[in-house]
Amino acid sequence: MMRVMTIDLNTPAGLAEAMLRGYAAGAFAMGHPDGTIEWFDPDPRAILGPQGVHVSRSLQRVVDGRFDIRLDTDPTAVMVACSERAQGREDTWLTPVFMAAVERLIADGWVHSVEAWRDGALVGGVYGIHMNGVFFAESMFSQPPAGTDASKVCLVHLERHLRARGIGLLDCQFLTPHLERMGFIEVPRSVWRGRLHDALLTPVAWED
């Protein structure tokens, strides 16, 4: 992993613009507890593999039935839930300055969410940035017990939406064992940049 730069922009608008430029160039941002924004350009890069999201038998039983799946009902709430501290995760890269910039991107229509609702409550979701033929998945969460497996279900529905729209590249930044089980793979940075270049030249709207 190569850390490429650290910046400290004072306005959400300025940081949001920097994020769009960075993502289009293949890098991505994370907040640091000291208030700065760190940019990363890892090699290899993690993306969804050609076989798509892997749906186990147990997951298949809940994909279409347990949750009310919605698009963009409240991406801010999804982001806030992703930022909340949990057991084993005392710090978060979703810092106030970073979240303020994402709020600006939400208002400008760049950020979208897939959400799992149950009994009127948001119990899981995934959010990210859409640019033409690529979706940069930023973070996801599940809120057990009502939201057990909710983030996995949202990921399945995210892929369905992307395929239906013709958005062919799903980025997830770093590969974790969990994401690997879900069907994500690592590719060399050179392959990632080539895929990204082609995807950005493919004009695809998030919705009609």
N, C-alpha and C. Protein backbone atom coordinates (compact mmCIF):
# COMPACT_ATOMS: atom_id res chain seq x y z
N MET A 1 0.85 -1.19 0.00
CA MET A 1 0.00 0.00 0.00
C MET A 1 0.89 1.24 0.00
N MET A 2 0.57 2.21 -0.84
CA MET A 2 1.35 3.43 -0.91
C MET A 2 0.50 4.61 -0.50
N ARG A 3 0.91 5.32 0.51
CA ARG A 3 0.24 6.56 0.91
C ARG A 3 0.77 7.67 0.00
N VAL A 4 -0.13 8.32 -0.72
CA VAL A 4 0.33 9.24 -1.75
C VAL A 4 0.34 10.70 -1.31
N MET A 5 -0.53 11.09 -0.40
CA MET A 5 -0.47 12.46 0.08
C MET A 5 -1.40 12.64 1.27
N THR A 6 -1.15 13.67 2.04
CA THR A 6 -2.02 14.05 3.14
C THR A 6 -2.41 15.51 2.95
N ILE A 7 -3.70 15.79 3.04
CA ILE A 7 -4.17 17.15 2.84
C ILE A 7 -5.05 17.56 4.02
N ASP A 8 -5.23 18.85 4.17
CA ASP A 8 -6.07 19.38 5.24
C ASP A 8 -6.85 20.57 4.67
N LEU A 9 -7.93 20.29 3.99
CA LEU A 9 -8.75 21.34 3.41
C LEU A 9 -9.80 21.77 4.42
N ASN A 10 -10.05 23.05 4.46
CA ASN A 10 -10.88 23.62 5.52
C ASN A 10 -12.36 23.65 5.21
N THR A 11 -12.76 23.49 3.95
CA THR A 11 -14.17 23.59 3.61
C THR A 11 -14.68 22.27 3.06
N PRO A 12 -15.92 21.90 3.39
CA PRO A 12 -16.49 20.68 2.80
C PRO A 12 -16.51 20.71 1.28
N ALA A 13 -16.79 21.89 0.70
CA ALA A 13 -16.84 22.00 -0.75
C ALA A 13 -15.47 21.73 -1.37
N GLY A 14 -14.43 22.31 -0.77
CA GLY A 14 -13.08 22.10 -1.30
C GLY A 14 -12.64 20.65 -1.19
N LEU A 15 -12.92 20.04 -0.06
CA LEU A 15 -12.56 18.64 0.12
C LEU A 15 -13.37 17.74 -0.80
N ALA A 16 -14.64 18.04 -0.96
CA ALA A 16 -15.48 17.25 -1.86
C ALA A 16 -14.94 17.29 -3.28
N GLU A 17 -14.53 18.46 -3.73
CA GLU A 17 -13.95 18.59 -5.08
C GLU A 17 -12.66 17.78 -5.19
N ALA A 18 -11.83 17.85 -4.14
CA ALA A 18 -10.59 17.07 -4.15
C ALA A 18 -10.89 15.58 -4.20
N MET A 19 -11.93 15.14 -3.50
CA MET A 19 -12.30 13.73 -3.51
C MET A 19 -12.70 13.28 -4.90
N LEU A 20 -13.50 14.07 -5.58
CA LEU A 20 -13.92 13.70 -6.93
C LEU A 20 -12.72 13.60 -7.87
N ARG A 21 -11.81 14.55 -7.78
CA ARG A 21 -10.63 14.51 -8.63
C ARG A 21 -9.76 13.30 -8.30
N GLY A 22 -9.60 13.04 -7.00
CA GLY A 22 -8.78 11.91 -6.59
C GLY A 22 -9.35 10.58 -7.02
N TYR A 23 -10.66 10.41 -6.83
CA TYR A 23 -11.28 9.14 -7.19
C TYR A 23 -11.19 8.90 -8.69
N ALA A 24 -11.37 9.95 -9.47
CA ALA A 24 -11.28 9.80 -10.92
C ALA A 24 -9.87 9.43 -11.36
N ALA A 25 -8.88 9.75 -10.53
CA ALA A 25 -7.49 9.40 -10.82
C ALA A 25 -7.10 8.04 -10.26
N GLY A 26 -8.01 7.41 -9.49
CA GLY A 26 -7.74 6.07 -8.97
C GLY A 26 -7.39 6.01 -7.51
N ALA A 27 -7.25 7.16 -6.84
CA ALA A 27 -6.96 7.18 -5.41
C ALA A 27 -8.26 7.32 -4.62
N PHE A 28 -8.19 7.09 -3.31
CA PHE A 28 -9.37 7.29 -2.47
C PHE A 28 -8.95 7.89 -1.14
N ALA A 29 -9.92 8.48 -0.47
CA ALA A 29 -9.64 9.25 0.73
C ALA A 29 -10.13 8.55 1.98
N MET A 30 -9.44 8.82 3.08
CA MET A 30 -9.88 8.39 4.40
C MET A 30 -9.57 9.49 5.39
N GLY A 31 -10.44 9.70 6.34
CA GLY A 31 -10.18 10.69 7.37
C GLY A 31 -9.21 10.17 8.41
N HIS A 32 -8.45 11.07 9.00
CA HIS A 32 -7.53 10.73 10.08
C HIS A 32 -8.00 11.42 11.35
N PRO A 33 -7.82 10.81 12.51
CA PRO A 33 -8.28 11.43 13.76
C PRO A 33 -7.77 12.84 14.00
N ASP A 34 -6.62 13.21 13.39
CA ASP A 34 -6.11 14.57 13.61
C ASP A 34 -6.79 15.60 12.73
N GLY A 35 -7.78 15.18 11.94
CA GLY A 35 -8.53 16.11 11.11
C GLY A 35 -8.08 16.20 9.68
N THR A 36 -6.95 15.59 9.35
CA THR A 36 -6.48 15.61 7.98
C THR A 36 -7.17 14.50 7.17
N ILE A 37 -7.00 14.57 5.86
CA ILE A 37 -7.51 13.55 4.96
C ILE A 37 -6.33 12.87 4.30
N GLU A 38 -6.26 11.57 4.42
CA GLU A 38 -5.20 10.80 3.79
C GLU A 38 -5.71 10.17 2.50
N TRP A 39 -4.84 10.15 1.49
CA TRP A 39 -5.18 9.56 0.20
C TRP A 39 -4.33 8.32 -0.03
N PHE A 40 -4.98 7.31 -0.60
CA PHE A 40 -4.30 6.03 -0.82
C PHE A 40 -4.51 5.56 -2.26
N ASP A 41 -3.48 4.89 -2.75
CA ASP A 41 -3.51 4.32 -4.09
C ASP A 41 -2.88 2.93 -4.00
N PRO A 42 -3.61 1.96 -3.45
CA PRO A 42 -3.00 0.67 -3.14
C PRO A 42 -2.72 -0.18 -4.38
N ASP A 43 -1.74 -1.02 -4.25
CA ASP A 43 -1.41 -2.00 -5.27
C ASP A 43 -1.14 -3.32 -4.56
N PRO A 44 -2.05 -4.30 -4.70
CA PRO A 44 -3.19 -4.36 -5.62
C PRO A 44 -4.41 -3.60 -5.10
N ARG A 45 -5.42 -3.55 -5.96
CA ARG A 45 -6.70 -2.90 -5.65
C ARG A 45 -7.79 -3.97 -5.61
N ALA A 46 -8.78 -3.77 -4.75
CA ALA A 46 -9.85 -4.75 -4.60
C ALA A 46 -11.09 -4.31 -5.38
N ILE A 47 -11.59 -5.21 -6.22
CA ILE A 47 -12.82 -4.96 -6.98
C ILE A 47 -13.66 -6.22 -6.97
N LEU A 48 -14.92 -6.08 -7.36
CA LEU A 48 -15.77 -7.26 -7.47
C LEU A 48 -15.30 -8.11 -8.64
N GLY A 49 -15.18 -9.42 -8.39
CA GLY A 49 -14.71 -10.34 -9.41
C GLY A 49 -15.74 -10.61 -10.50
N PRO A 50 -15.33 -11.27 -11.57
CA PRO A 50 -16.21 -11.48 -12.72
C PRO A 50 -17.42 -12.37 -12.42
N GLN A 51 -17.33 -13.17 -11.37
CA GLN A 51 -18.46 -14.02 -11.02
C GLN A 51 -19.53 -13.30 -10.22
N GLY A 52 -19.27 -12.07 -9.82
CA GLY A 52 -20.25 -11.31 -9.06
C GLY A 52 -20.24 -11.67 -7.58
N VAL A 53 -21.18 -11.11 -6.87
CA VAL A 53 -21.28 -11.35 -5.44
C VAL A 53 -21.67 -12.81 -5.19
N HIS A 54 -20.92 -13.45 -4.32
CA HIS A 54 -21.22 -14.84 -3.98
C HIS A 54 -22.34 -14.86 -2.93
N VAL A 55 -23.39 -15.60 -3.24
CA VAL A 55 -24.54 -15.71 -2.34
C VAL A 55 -24.61 -17.14 -1.84
N SER A 56 -24.31 -17.31 -0.58
CA SER A 56 -24.38 -18.65 0.03
C SER A 56 -25.84 -19.08 0.18
N ARG A 57 -26.04 -20.34 0.46
CA ARG A 57 -27.40 -20.85 0.64
C ARG A 57 -28.10 -20.14 1.79
N SER A 58 -27.37 -19.93 2.88
CA SER A 58 -27.99 -19.27 4.03
C SER A 58 -28.33 -17.82 3.70
N LEU A 59 -27.47 -17.14 2.95
CA LEU A 59 -27.75 -15.76 2.59
C LEU A 59 -28.90 -15.67 1.60
N GLN A 60 -28.99 -16.63 0.70
CA GLN A 60 -30.05 -16.61 -0.30
C GLN A 60 -31.42 -16.62 0.36
N ARG A 61 -31.52 -17.27 1.52
CA ARG A 61 -32.81 -17.37 2.20
C ARG A 61 -33.30 -16.03 2.72
N VAL A 62 -32.38 -15.05 2.87
CA VAL A 62 -32.80 -13.76 3.42
C VAL A 62 -32.69 -12.62 2.42
N VAL A 63 -32.09 -12.87 1.27
CA VAL A 63 -31.87 -11.80 0.29
C VAL A 63 -33.16 -11.12 -0.13
N ASP A 64 -34.18 -11.91 -0.40
CA ASP A 64 -35.40 -11.33 -0.96
C ASP A 64 -36.57 -11.27 0.03
N GLY A 65 -36.32 -11.54 1.29
CA GLY A 65 -37.46 -11.61 2.18
C GLY A 65 -37.38 -10.90 3.51
N ARG A 66 -36.21 -10.83 4.12
CA ARG A 66 -36.13 -10.35 5.49
C ARG A 66 -36.23 -8.83 5.59
N PHE A 67 -35.71 -8.10 4.59
CA PHE A 67 -35.60 -6.65 4.69
C PHE A 67 -36.37 -5.94 3.59
N ASP A 68 -36.71 -4.71 3.89
CA ASP A 68 -37.25 -3.79 2.90
C ASP A 68 -36.05 -3.03 2.33
N ILE A 69 -35.69 -3.31 1.07
CA ILE A 69 -34.50 -2.72 0.46
C ILE A 69 -34.90 -1.45 -0.28
N ARG A 70 -34.19 -0.36 0.01
CA ARG A 70 -34.48 0.93 -0.61
C ARG A 70 -33.19 1.55 -1.14
N LEU A 71 -33.35 2.40 -2.16
CA LEU A 71 -32.24 3.17 -2.71
C LEU A 71 -32.36 4.63 -2.28
N ASP A 72 -31.29 5.16 -1.72
CA ASP A 72 -31.16 6.60 -1.48
C ASP A 72 -32.24 7.20 -0.59
N THR A 73 -32.85 6.40 0.28
CA THR A 73 -33.81 6.98 1.22
C THR A 73 -33.12 7.94 2.18
N ASP A 74 -31.95 7.53 2.69
CA ASP A 74 -31.22 8.38 3.64
C ASP A 74 -29.75 8.00 3.65
N PRO A 75 -28.99 8.40 2.60
CA PRO A 75 -27.57 8.06 2.58
C PRO A 75 -26.79 8.66 3.74
N THR A 76 -27.23 9.80 4.25
CA THR A 76 -26.55 10.38 5.41
C THR A 76 -26.64 9.46 6.61
N ALA A 77 -27.82 8.89 6.84
CA ALA A 77 -27.99 7.98 7.97
C ALA A 77 -27.13 6.73 7.81
N VAL A 78 -26.98 6.26 6.58
CA VAL A 78 -26.11 5.11 6.34
C VAL A 78 -24.67 5.47 6.69
N MET A 79 -24.22 6.62 6.22
CA MET A 79 -22.85 7.05 6.52
C MET A 79 -22.64 7.19 8.03
N VAL A 80 -23.58 7.80 8.72
CA VAL A 80 -23.45 7.98 10.16
C VAL A 80 -23.38 6.63 10.87
N ALA A 81 -24.22 5.70 10.45
CA ALA A 81 -24.21 4.37 11.06
C ALA A 81 -22.87 3.66 10.80
N CYS A 82 -22.31 3.85 9.61
CA CYS A 82 -21.01 3.26 9.30
C CYS A 82 -19.90 3.84 10.17
N SER A 83 -20.07 5.07 10.63
CA SER A 83 -19.03 5.74 11.41
C SER A 83 -19.07 5.39 12.89
N GLU A 84 -20.15 4.78 13.34
CA GLU A 84 -20.29 4.53 14.77
C GLU A 84 -19.31 3.48 15.26
N ARG A 85 -18.78 3.71 16.42
CA ARG A 85 -17.82 2.78 16.99
C ARG A 85 -18.51 1.48 17.38
N ALA A 86 -17.78 0.39 17.19
CA ALA A 86 -18.30 -0.93 17.52
C ALA A 86 -17.20 -1.72 18.21
N GLN A 87 -17.57 -2.87 18.75
CA GLN A 87 -16.59 -3.72 19.41
C GLN A 87 -15.48 -4.08 18.44
N GLY A 88 -14.24 -3.83 18.84
CA GLY A 88 -13.11 -4.11 17.98
C GLY A 88 -12.80 -2.99 17.01
N ARG A 89 -13.61 -1.92 17.01
CA ARG A 89 -13.37 -0.78 16.13
C ARG A 89 -13.60 0.49 16.92
N GLU A 90 -12.55 0.90 17.63
CA GLU A 90 -12.67 2.06 18.50
C GLU A 90 -12.48 3.38 17.75
N ASP A 91 -11.74 3.34 16.66
CA ASP A 91 -11.51 4.54 15.85
C ASP A 91 -12.18 4.36 14.49
N THR A 92 -12.50 5.46 13.86
CA THR A 92 -13.13 5.41 12.55
C THR A 92 -12.48 6.41 11.61
N TRP A 93 -12.34 6.03 10.35
CA TRP A 93 -11.82 6.96 9.35
C TRP A 93 -12.90 7.93 8.87
N LEU A 94 -14.15 7.68 9.26
CA LEU A 94 -15.25 8.58 8.92
C LEU A 94 -15.29 9.70 9.97
N THR A 95 -14.36 10.61 9.84
CA THR A 95 -14.21 11.71 10.78
C THR A 95 -15.18 12.84 10.42
N PRO A 96 -15.40 13.78 11.33
CA PRO A 96 -16.34 14.88 11.03
C PRO A 96 -16.02 15.64 9.75
N VAL A 97 -14.74 15.94 9.52
CA VAL A 97 -14.39 16.70 8.32
C VAL A 97 -14.66 15.88 7.06
N PHE A 98 -14.38 14.59 7.13
CA PHE A 98 -14.64 13.73 5.98
C PHE A 98 -16.15 13.62 5.73
N MET A 99 -16.91 13.44 6.79
CA MET A 99 -18.35 13.29 6.65
C MET A 99 -19.00 14.57 6.14
N ALA A 100 -18.45 15.72 6.52
CA ALA A 100 -18.98 16.99 6.01
C ALA A 100 -18.79 17.08 4.50
N ALA A 101 -17.66 16.60 4.01
CA ALA A 101 -17.43 16.60 2.57
C ALA A 101 -18.37 15.63 1.87
N VAL A 102 -18.59 14.47 2.47
CA VAL A 102 -19.52 13.50 1.87
C VAL A 102 -20.93 14.07 1.85
N GLU A 103 -21.31 14.80 2.88
CA GLU A 103 -22.62 15.46 2.88
C GLU A 103 -22.77 16.36 1.67
N ARG A 104 -21.70 17.07 1.32
CA ARG A 104 -21.73 17.93 0.14
C ARG A 104 -21.91 17.08 -1.13
N LEU A 105 -21.23 15.96 -1.20
CA LEU A 105 -21.34 15.07 -2.35
C LEU A 105 -22.73 14.44 -2.43
N ILE A 106 -23.34 14.19 -1.28
CA ILE A 106 -24.72 13.70 -1.27
C ILE A 106 -25.65 14.75 -1.86
N ALA A 107 -25.47 15.98 -1.42
CA ALA A 107 -26.32 17.07 -1.91
C ALA A 107 -26.16 17.29 -3.40
N ASP A 108 -24.96 17.03 -3.92
CA ASP A 108 -24.68 17.24 -5.33
C ASP A 108 -24.99 16.02 -6.19
N GLY A 109 -25.46 14.93 -5.55
CA GLY A 109 -25.90 13.77 -6.30
C GLY A 109 -24.84 12.74 -6.65
N TRP A 110 -23.66 12.83 -6.02
CA TRP A 110 -22.60 11.88 -6.31
C TRP A 110 -22.68 10.62 -5.46
N VAL A 111 -23.22 10.75 -4.27
CA VAL A 111 -23.23 9.64 -3.30
C VAL A 111 -24.60 8.97 -3.28
N HIS A 112 -24.58 7.64 -3.26
CA HIS A 112 -25.82 6.87 -3.25
C HIS A 112 -25.72 5.75 -2.22
N SER A 113 -26.88 5.28 -1.80
CA SER A 113 -26.92 4.22 -0.80
C SER A 113 -27.94 3.16 -1.15
N VAL A 114 -27.63 1.95 -0.72
CA VAL A 114 -28.59 0.85 -0.72
C VAL A 114 -28.84 0.51 0.74
N GLU A 115 -30.10 0.49 1.13
CA GLU A 115 -30.43 0.43 2.55
C GLU A 115 -31.35 -0.76 2.86
N ALA A 116 -31.16 -1.33 4.04
CA ALA A 116 -32.03 -2.39 4.54
C ALA A 116 -32.83 -1.84 5.71
N TRP A 117 -34.14 -1.87 5.57
CA TRP A 117 -35.05 -1.41 6.61
C TRP A 117 -35.85 -2.59 7.14
N ARG A 118 -36.16 -2.54 8.42
CA ARG A 118 -36.99 -3.59 9.03
C ARG A 118 -37.82 -2.97 10.14
N ASP A 119 -39.11 -3.18 10.05
CA ASP A 119 -40.04 -2.62 11.03
C ASP A 119 -39.86 -1.11 11.17
N GLY A 120 -39.62 -0.46 10.05
CA GLY A 120 -39.50 1.00 10.04
C GLY A 120 -38.17 1.55 10.48
N ALA A 121 -37.18 0.69 10.74
CA ALA A 121 -35.88 1.14 11.21
C ALA A 121 -34.79 0.76 10.21
N LEU A 122 -33.82 1.63 10.06
CA LEU A 122 -32.66 1.35 9.21
C LEU A 122 -31.72 0.41 9.97
N VAL A 123 -31.50 -0.78 9.43
CA VAL A 123 -30.71 -1.78 10.15
C VAL A 123 -29.46 -2.21 9.37
N GLY A 124 -29.26 -1.68 8.19
CA GLY A 124 -28.07 -2.02 7.42
C GLY A 124 -28.01 -1.20 6.15
N GLY A 125 -26.82 -1.13 5.58
CA GLY A 125 -26.70 -0.38 4.34
C GLY A 125 -25.28 -0.32 3.83
N VAL A 126 -25.16 0.15 2.60
CA VAL A 126 -23.87 0.41 1.98
C VAL A 126 -23.99 1.73 1.22
N TYR A 127 -22.93 2.54 1.25
CA TYR A 127 -22.96 3.79 0.50
C TYR A 127 -21.66 3.95 -0.26
N GLY A 128 -21.70 4.78 -1.30
CA GLY A 128 -20.50 5.03 -2.07
C GLY A 128 -20.72 6.10 -3.11
N ILE A 129 -19.71 6.31 -3.92
CA ILE A 129 -19.71 7.36 -4.94
C ILE A 129 -19.85 6.74 -6.32
N HIS A 130 -20.77 7.28 -7.11
CA HIS A 130 -20.98 6.80 -8.47
C HIS A 130 -20.43 7.79 -9.47
N MET A 131 -19.62 7.28 -10.40
CA MET A 131 -19.12 8.08 -11.52
C MET A 131 -19.25 7.24 -12.80
N ASN A 132 -20.20 7.57 -13.63
CA ASN A 132 -20.40 6.86 -14.89
C ASN A 132 -20.41 5.34 -14.68
N GLY A 133 -19.42 4.61 -15.22
CA GLY A 133 -19.47 3.16 -15.16
C GLY A 133 -18.82 2.53 -13.96
N VAL A 134 -18.54 3.32 -12.92
CA VAL A 134 -17.89 2.77 -11.73
C VAL A 134 -18.63 3.22 -10.48
N PHE A 135 -18.68 2.34 -9.49
CA PHE A 135 -19.21 2.67 -8.18
C PHE A 135 -18.12 2.39 -7.16
N PHE A 136 -17.74 3.43 -6.40
CA PHE A 136 -16.74 3.30 -5.36
C PHE A 136 -17.45 3.04 -4.04
N ALA A 137 -17.49 1.79 -3.61
CA ALA A 137 -18.15 1.47 -2.34
C ALA A 137 -17.27 1.96 -1.20
N GLU A 138 -17.85 2.80 -0.35
CA GLU A 138 -17.09 3.42 0.73
C GLU A 138 -17.15 2.62 2.03
N SER A 139 -18.34 2.26 2.45
CA SER A 139 -18.48 1.56 3.73
C SER A 139 -19.87 0.93 3.80
N MET A 140 -19.99 -0.04 4.70
CA MET A 140 -21.29 -0.68 4.91
C MET A 140 -21.42 -1.07 6.37
N PHE A 141 -22.66 -1.29 6.79
CA PHE A 141 -22.88 -1.65 8.19
C PHE A 141 -24.09 -2.57 8.31
N SER A 142 -24.12 -3.32 9.40
CA SER A 142 -25.28 -4.10 9.83
C SER A 142 -25.51 -3.83 11.30
N GLN A 143 -26.75 -3.80 11.70
CA GLN A 143 -27.09 -3.53 13.09
C GLN A 143 -27.86 -4.72 13.65
N PRO A 144 -27.14 -5.69 14.24
CA PRO A 144 -27.82 -6.85 14.81
C PRO A 144 -28.55 -6.47 16.09
N PRO A 145 -29.54 -7.28 16.51
CA PRO A 145 -29.92 -8.54 15.87
C PRO A 145 -30.87 -8.36 14.69
N ALA A 146 -31.63 -7.25 14.65
CA ALA A 146 -32.61 -7.08 13.57
C ALA A 146 -31.94 -7.02 12.21
N GLY A 147 -30.71 -6.49 12.19
CA GLY A 147 -30.03 -6.31 10.92
C GLY A 147 -28.97 -7.34 10.61
N THR A 148 -29.02 -8.49 11.24
CA THR A 148 -28.05 -9.54 10.95
C THR A 148 -28.06 -9.86 9.45
N ASP A 149 -26.88 -9.82 8.84
CA ASP A 149 -26.68 -10.07 7.40
C ASP A 149 -27.19 -8.94 6.52
N ALA A 150 -27.61 -7.82 7.11
CA ALA A 150 -28.18 -6.74 6.30
C ALA A 150 -27.18 -6.15 5.32
N SER A 151 -25.92 -5.98 5.74
CA SER A 151 -24.93 -5.40 4.83
C SER A 151 -24.67 -6.32 3.65
N LYS A 152 -24.67 -7.63 3.91
CA LYS A 152 -24.48 -8.59 2.81
C LYS A 152 -25.64 -8.51 1.83
N VAL A 153 -26.84 -8.43 2.35
CA VAL A 153 -28.02 -8.34 1.49
C VAL A 153 -27.97 -7.05 0.66
N CYS A 154 -27.56 -5.96 1.29
CA CYS A 154 -27.45 -4.69 0.56
C CYS A 154 -26.40 -4.79 -0.55
N LEU A 155 -25.32 -5.50 -0.29
CA LEU A 155 -24.29 -5.68 -1.31
C LEU A 155 -24.84 -6.46 -2.49
N VAL A 156 -25.64 -7.47 -2.23
CA VAL A 156 -26.27 -8.24 -3.31
C VAL A 156 -27.17 -7.33 -4.14
N HIS A 157 -27.98 -6.53 -3.46
CA HIS A 157 -28.90 -5.65 -4.18
C HIS A 157 -28.15 -4.51 -4.89
N LEU A 158 -27.03 -4.08 -4.32
CA LEU A 158 -26.20 -3.09 -5.00
C LEU A 158 -25.71 -3.65 -6.33
N GLU A 159 -25.19 -4.87 -6.30
CA GLU A 159 -24.72 -5.46 -7.56
C GLU A 159 -25.85 -5.60 -8.56
N ARG A 160 -27.02 -6.00 -8.11
CA ARG A 160 -28.16 -6.12 -9.02
C ARG A 160 -28.46 -4.78 -9.68
N HIS A 161 -28.43 -3.72 -8.88
CA HIS A 161 -28.72 -2.40 -9.43
C HIS A 161 -27.65 -1.98 -10.43
N LEU A 162 -26.38 -2.21 -10.08
CA LEU A 162 -25.30 -1.82 -10.98
C LEU A 162 -25.39 -2.57 -12.30
N ARG A 163 -25.66 -3.85 -12.24
CA ARG A 163 -25.77 -4.64 -13.47
C ARG A 163 -26.95 -4.16 -14.31
N ALA A 164 -28.05 -3.87 -13.67
CA ALA A 164 -29.23 -3.41 -14.40
C ALA A 164 -28.97 -2.08 -15.09
N ARG A 165 -28.14 -1.25 -14.49
CA ARG A 165 -27.84 0.06 -15.06
C ARG A 165 -26.70 0.01 -16.06
N GLY A 166 -25.93 -1.08 -16.07
CA GLY A 166 -24.77 -1.15 -16.93
C GLY A 166 -23.52 -0.55 -16.32
N ILE A 167 -23.49 -0.48 -14.99
CA ILE A 167 -22.31 0.01 -14.25
C ILE A 167 -21.44 -1.21 -13.95
N GLY A 168 -20.34 -1.35 -14.68
CA GLY A 168 -19.63 -2.61 -14.68
C GLY A 168 -18.47 -2.75 -13.73
N LEU A 169 -18.12 -1.70 -13.00
CA LEU A 169 -16.96 -1.76 -12.11
C LEU A 169 -17.37 -1.38 -10.70
N LEU A 170 -17.15 -2.29 -9.76
CA LEU A 170 -17.46 -2.05 -8.35
C LEU A 170 -16.17 -2.14 -7.55
N ASP A 171 -15.74 -1.01 -7.01
CA ASP A 171 -14.50 -0.91 -6.26
C ASP A 171 -14.78 -1.02 -4.78
N CYS A 172 -13.91 -1.73 -4.05
CA CYS A 172 -14.06 -1.79 -2.59
C CYS A 172 -12.74 -1.50 -1.88
N GLN A 173 -11.77 -0.92 -2.61
CA GLN A 173 -10.53 -0.40 -2.03
C GLN A 173 -9.58 -1.49 -1.55
N PHE A 174 -9.81 -2.03 -0.35
CA PHE A 174 -8.94 -3.06 0.22
C PHE A 174 -9.70 -4.39 0.32
N LEU A 175 -9.01 -5.49 0.07
CA LEU A 175 -9.63 -6.80 0.21
C LEU A 175 -9.52 -7.28 1.65
N THR A 176 -10.64 -7.66 2.22
CA THR A 176 -10.69 -8.28 3.54
C THR A 176 -11.16 -9.73 3.38
N PRO A 177 -10.93 -10.58 4.37
CA PRO A 177 -11.44 -11.96 4.26
C PRO A 177 -12.94 -12.01 4.02
N HIS A 178 -13.68 -11.09 4.66
CA HIS A 178 -15.13 -11.05 4.47
C HIS A 178 -15.48 -10.73 3.02
N LEU A 179 -14.84 -9.71 2.45
CA LEU A 179 -15.14 -9.34 1.07
C LEU A 179 -14.67 -10.42 0.10
N GLU A 180 -13.58 -11.07 0.42
CA GLU A 180 -13.11 -12.16 -0.45
C GLU A 180 -14.14 -13.29 -0.51
N ARG A 181 -14.73 -13.61 0.62
CA ARG A 181 -15.79 -14.63 0.64
C ARG A 181 -17.00 -14.18 -0.16
N MET A 182 -17.20 -12.88 -0.26
CA MET A 182 -18.35 -12.35 -0.99
C MET A 182 -18.09 -12.23 -2.49
N GLY A 183 -16.88 -12.54 -2.94
CA GLY A 183 -16.62 -12.55 -4.37
C GLY A 183 -15.71 -11.45 -4.88
N PHE A 184 -15.10 -10.68 -3.97
CA PHE A 184 -14.18 -9.63 -4.40
C PHE A 184 -12.78 -10.20 -4.59
N ILE A 185 -12.03 -9.58 -5.49
CA ILE A 185 -10.69 -10.05 -5.83
C ILE A 185 -9.72 -8.86 -5.83
N GLU A 186 -8.43 -9.17 -5.89
CA GLU A 186 -7.42 -8.14 -6.04
C GLU A 186 -6.88 -8.16 -7.46
N VAL A 187 -6.64 -6.95 -7.99
CA VAL A 187 -6.02 -6.82 -9.31
C VAL A 187 -4.86 -5.84 -9.19
N PRO A 188 -3.85 -5.97 -10.05
CA PRO A 188 -2.74 -5.01 -10.01
C PRO A 188 -3.23 -3.59 -10.27
N ARG A 189 -2.50 -2.62 -9.73
CA ARG A 189 -2.88 -1.23 -9.93
C ARG A 189 -3.01 -0.89 -11.41
N SER A 190 -2.12 -1.42 -12.24
CA SER A 190 -2.18 -1.13 -13.67
C SER A 190 -3.49 -1.62 -14.28
N VAL A 191 -3.94 -2.78 -13.87
CA VAL A 191 -5.23 -3.31 -14.36
C VAL A 191 -6.37 -2.44 -13.85
N TRP A 192 -6.32 -2.09 -12.57
CA TRP A 192 -7.35 -1.23 -11.99
C TRP A 192 -7.46 0.09 -12.74
N ARG A 193 -6.35 0.72 -13.02
CA ARG A 193 -6.39 2.02 -13.68
C ARG A 193 -6.94 1.91 -15.10
N GLY A 194 -6.62 0.80 -15.78
CA GLY A 194 -7.18 0.60 -17.11
C GLY A 194 -8.68 0.40 -17.07
N ARG A 195 -9.14 -0.42 -16.11
CA ARG A 195 -10.58 -0.64 -15.95
C ARG A 195 -11.28 0.66 -15.58
N LEU A 196 -10.67 1.43 -14.69
CA LEU A 196 -11.26 2.69 -14.25
C LEU A 196 -11.37 3.67 -15.41
N HIS A 197 -10.31 3.78 -16.19
CA HIS A 197 -10.32 4.69 -17.33
C HIS A 197 -11.47 4.37 -18.26
N ASP A 198 -11.65 3.09 -18.59
CA ASP A 198 -12.73 2.70 -19.49
C ASP A 198 -14.10 2.97 -18.86
N ALA A 199 -14.23 2.69 -17.56
CA ALA A 199 -15.50 2.87 -16.88
C ALA A 199 -15.91 4.34 -16.82
N LEU A 200 -14.93 5.21 -16.59
CA LEU A 200 -15.24 6.64 -16.52
C LEU A 200 -15.67 7.21 -17.86
N LEU A 201 -15.26 6.56 -18.95
CA LEU A 201 -15.65 7.01 -20.29
C LEU A 201 -16.99 6.44 -20.72
N THR A 202 -17.60 5.63 -19.86
CA THR A 202 -18.91 5.02 -20.16
C THR A 202 -19.99 5.79 -19.45
N PRO A 203 -20.75 6.63 -20.16
CA PRO A 203 -21.78 7.44 -19.47
C PRO A 203 -22.98 6.60 -19.04
N VAL A 204 -23.13 6.46 -17.74
CA VAL A 204 -24.23 5.67 -17.18
C VAL A 204 -24.84 6.45 -16.02
N ALA A 205 -26.15 6.66 -16.05
CA ALA A 205 -26.83 7.34 -14.95
C ALA A 205 -27.15 6.33 -13.85
N TRP A 206 -27.21 6.84 -12.62
CA TRP A 206 -27.58 5.98 -11.48
C TRP A 206 -29.03 5.51 -11.62
N GLU A 207 -29.90 6.41 -12.03
CA GLU A 207 -31.29 6.08 -12.27
C GLU A 207 -31.79 6.88 -13.48
N ASP A 208 -32.89 6.45 -14.05
CA ASP A 208 -33.49 7.19 -15.17
C ASP A 208 -34.08 8.50 -14.68
